[in-house]
C-alpha atoms as a PDB file:
ATOM      1  CA  LYS A   1     -16.804  -7.139 -18.342  1.00  0.00           C
ATOM      2  CA  ALA A   2     -20.075  -8.413 -16.883  1.00  0.00           C
ATOM      3  CA  LEU A   3     -19.453  -6.503 -13.643  1.00  0.00           C
ATOM      4  CA  LYS A   4     -18.786  -3.280 -15.529  1.00  0.00           C
ATOM      5  CA  LYS A   5     -21.867  -3.855 -17.664  1.00  0.00           C
ATOM      6  CA  ALA A   6     -23.875  -4.204 -14.433  1.00  0.00           C
ATOM      7  CA  LYS A   7     -22.326  -0.888 -13.272  1.00  0.00           C
ATOM      8  CA  ILE A   8     -20.584  -2.545 -10.330  1.00  0.00           C
ATOM      9  CA  TYR A   9     -17.629  -0.637  -8.874  1.00  0.00           C
ATOM     10  CA  ILE A  10     -14.556  -2.858  -8.899  1.00  0.00           C
ATOM     11  CA  ALA A  11     -11.849  -2.407  -6.260  1.00  0.00           C
ATOM     12  CA  ILE A  12      -8.885  -4.705  -5.705  1.00  0.00           C
ATOM     13  CA  GLU A  13      -5.883  -5.003  -3.428  1.00  0.00           C
ATOM     14  CA  THR A  14      -2.788  -6.625  -4.868  1.00  0.00           C
ATOM     15  CA  ASN A  15       0.864  -7.147  -4.006  1.00  0.00           C
ATOM     16  CA  GLY A  16       1.715  -5.738  -7.443  1.00  0.00           C
ATOM     17  CA  THR A  17       3.478  -8.786  -8.860  1.00  0.00           C
ATOM     18  CA  LEU A  18       1.017  -8.872 -11.777  1.00  0.00           C
ATOM     19  CA  LYS A  19      -0.327  -6.049 -13.908  1.00  0.00           C
ATOM     20  CA  ALA A  20      -3.976  -5.263 -13.251  1.00  0.00           C
ATOM     21  CA  PRO A  21      -6.556  -5.988 -15.945  1.00  0.00           C
ATOM     22  CA  GLN A  22      -8.332  -3.094 -17.628  1.00  0.00           C
ATOM     23  CA  GLY A  23     -11.559  -1.786 -16.118  1.00  0.00           C
ATOM     24  CA  ILE A  24     -10.634  -1.792 -12.418  1.00  0.00           C
ATOM     25  CA  ASP A  25     -12.029   1.318 -10.690  1.00  0.00           C
ATOM     26  CA  TRP A  26      -9.763   1.317  -7.611  1.00  0.00           C
ATOM     27  CA  ILE A  27      -6.381  -0.380  -7.361  1.00  0.00           C
ATOM     28  CA  CYS A  28      -4.584  -0.617  -4.031  1.00  0.00           C
ATOM     29  CA  MET A  29      -1.074  -2.050  -4.091  1.00  0.00           C
ATOM     30  CA  SER A  30       0.555  -3.368  -0.933  1.00  0.00           C
ATOM     31  CA  PRO A  31       3.979  -4.594  -2.055  1.00  0.00           C
ATOM     32  CA  LYS A  32       5.923  -7.274  -0.238  1.00  0.00           C
ATOM     33  CA  ALA A  33       9.693  -7.482   0.190  1.00  0.00           C
ATOM     34  CA  ASN A  34      11.742  -9.628  -2.178  1.00  0.00           C
ATOM     35  CA  THR A  35       9.166  -9.646  -4.987  1.00  0.00           C
ATOM     36  CA  THR A  36       9.280  -8.314  -8.534  1.00  0.00           C
ATOM     37  CA  ILE A  37       6.776  -5.490  -8.943  1.00  0.00           C
ATOM     38  CA  GLU A  38       4.955  -5.289 -12.293  1.00  0.00           C
ATOM     39  CA  LEU A  39       2.222  -2.813 -11.354  1.00  0.00           C
ATOM     40  CA  THR A  40       3.360   0.818 -11.537  1.00  0.00           C
ATOM     41  CA  GLU A  41       0.141   2.800 -11.250  1.00  0.00           C
ATOM     42  CA  GLY A  42      -3.078   2.800  -9.305  1.00  0.00           C
ATOM     43  CA  SER A  43      -5.260   4.557  -6.792  1.00  0.00           C
ATOM     44  CA  GLU A  44      -3.135   3.921  -3.723  1.00  0.00           C
ATOM     45  CA  ILE A  45      -0.023   2.208  -2.500  1.00  0.00           C
ATOM     46  CA  LYS A  46       0.366   1.208   1.117  1.00  0.00           C
ATOM     47  CA  VAL A  47       3.671   0.029   2.487  1.00  0.00           C
ATOM     48  CA  ILE A  48       4.091  -1.725   5.824  1.00  0.00           C
ATOM     49  CA  TYR A  49       7.017   0.032   7.529  1.00  0.00           C
ATOM     50  CA  PRO A  50       9.710  -0.734   8.367  1.00  0.00           C
ATOM     51  CA  GLN A  51      10.386  -3.876   6.380  1.00  0.00           C
ATOM     52  CA  GLU A  52      13.748  -5.369   5.594  1.00  0.00           C
ATOM     53  CA  ASN A  53      14.489  -5.203   1.852  1.00  0.00           C
ATOM     54  CA  LEU A  54      11.564  -2.869   1.113  1.00  0.00           C
ATOM     55  CA  ASN A  55      12.199   0.873   0.882  1.00  0.00           C
ATOM     56  CA  PRO A  56       9.126   3.046   0.222  1.00  0.00           C
ATOM     57  CA  ILE A  57      11.324   5.554  -1.619  1.00  0.00           C
ATOM     58  CA  ASP A  58      11.697   2.970  -4.395  1.00  0.00           C
ATOM     59  CA  PHE A  59       8.013   3.537  -5.263  1.00  0.00           C
ATOM     60  CA  ASN A  60       8.154   7.343  -5.527  1.00  0.00           C
ATOM     61  CA  ASN A  61       8.590   7.237  -9.306  1.00  0.00           C
ATOM     62  CA  MET A  62       5.395   5.225  -9.774  1.00  0.00           C
ATOM     63  CA  ASN A  63       2.050   6.755 -10.639  1.00  0.00           C
ATOM     64  CA  PHE A  64      -0.203   6.304  -7.604  1.00  0.00           C
ATOM     65  CA  THR A  65      -2.751   8.870  -6.461  1.00  0.00           C
ATOM     66  CA  ASN A  66      -2.195   8.172  -2.752  1.00  0.00           C
ATOM     67  CA  TYR A  67       0.908   6.987  -0.898  1.00  0.00           C
ATOM     68  CA  TYR A  68       0.466   5.460   2.589  1.00  0.00           C
ATOM     69  CA  ILE A  69       2.846   4.179   5.260  1.00  0.00           C
ATOM     70  CA  GLN A  70       1.447   1.706   7.793  1.00  0.00           C
ATOM     71  CA  PRO A  71       3.448   0.819  10.925  1.00  0.00           C
ATOM     72  CA  LEU A  72       4.514  -2.820  11.063  1.00  0.00           C
ATOM     73  CA  ASP A  73       2.467  -4.704  13.661  1.00  0.00           C
ATOM     74  CA  SER A  74       5.128  -6.471  15.723  1.00  0.00           C
ATOM     75  CA  GLU A  75       6.520  -6.565  19.244  1.00  0.00           C
ATOM     76  CA  ASP A  76       8.163  -3.203  18.419  1.00  0.00           C
ATOM     77  CA  TYR A  77       4.881  -1.560  17.379  1.00  0.00           C
ATOM     78  CA  VAL A  78       5.448   1.689  19.318  1.00  0.00           C
ATOM     79  CA  THR A  79       8.896   2.038  17.743  1.00  0.00           C
ATOM     80  CA  ASN A  80       7.461   1.242  14.311  1.00  0.00           C
ATOM     81  CA  VAL A  81       4.790   3.926  14.733  1.00  0.00           C
ATOM     82  CA  SER A  82       7.500   6.426  15.642  1.00  0.00           C
ATOM     83  CA  LYS A  83       9.618   5.419  12.631  1.00  0.00           C
ATOM     84  CA  SER A  84       6.566   5.653  10.362  1.00  0.00           C
ATOM     85  CA  VAL A  85       5.668   9.136  11.600  1.00  0.00           C
ATOM     86  CA  LYS A  86       9.272  10.265  11.135  1.00  0.00           C
ATOM     87  CA  PHE A  87       9.333   8.832   7.606  1.00  0.00           C
ATOM     88  CA  CYS A  88       6.117  10.666   6.684  1.00  0.00           C
ATOM     89  CA  MET A  89       7.426  13.930   8.123  1.00  0.00           C
ATOM     90  CA  GLN A  90      10.561  13.594   5.989  1.00  0.00           C
ATOM     91  CA  HIS A  91       8.625  12.511   2.885  1.00  0.00           C
ATOM     92  CA  PRO A  92       5.385  14.533   2.741  1.00  0.00           C
ATOM     93  CA  ASN A  93       4.033  12.711  -0.319  1.00  0.00           C
ATOM     94  CA  TRP A  94       3.576   9.734   2.045  1.00  0.00           C
ATOM     95  CA  LYS A  95       0.747   9.793   4.595  1.00  0.00           C
ATOM     96  CA  LEU A  96       0.416   7.795   7.794  1.00  0.00           C
ATOM     97  CA  SER A  97      -2.240   5.086   7.766  1.00  0.00           C
ATOM     98  CA  LEU A  98      -3.110   2.292  10.186  1.00  0.00           C
ATOM     99  CA  GLN A  99      -3.891  -1.384   9.728  1.00  0.00           C
ATOM    100  CA  THR A 100      -7.368  -0.969  11.178  1.00  0.00           C
ATOM    101  CA  HIS A 101      -8.186  -4.678  10.905  1.00  0.00           C
ATOM    102  CA  LYS A 102      -5.313  -5.443  13.272  1.00  0.00           C
ATOM    103  CA  ILE A 103      -6.352  -2.738  15.741  1.00  0.00           C
ATOM    104  CA  LEU A 104      -9.859  -4.256  15.756  1.00  0.00           C
ATOM    105  CA  GLY A 105      -8.487  -7.778  16.170  1.00  0.00           C
ATOM    106  CA  ILE A 106      -9.625  -9.007  12.757  1.00  0.00           C
ATOM    107  CA  ARG A 107      -7.030 -11.441  11.434  1.00  0.00           C
END
């Protein structure tokens, strides 16, 4: 409440296993496989793709403004980029995004 009173913009990133408190200006959910999702709405959802036991389609019925697919950074990165592009082409409500921090070497 003090942050809102000071007119500070509040943005969070969460895995979605807890509901967000009231008053958050921007909510980004990045769900993980094999977790129970409690959060069903927000500003954006970004899914690392592909992941075993995590299908982005399962989030289509949720109320997010933006839907992003990010290729999994692994030894098969080129393949994962290709799979991500193909997924986005087949599901136009999802947009391709990149894990910029990994490209820049920030871990």
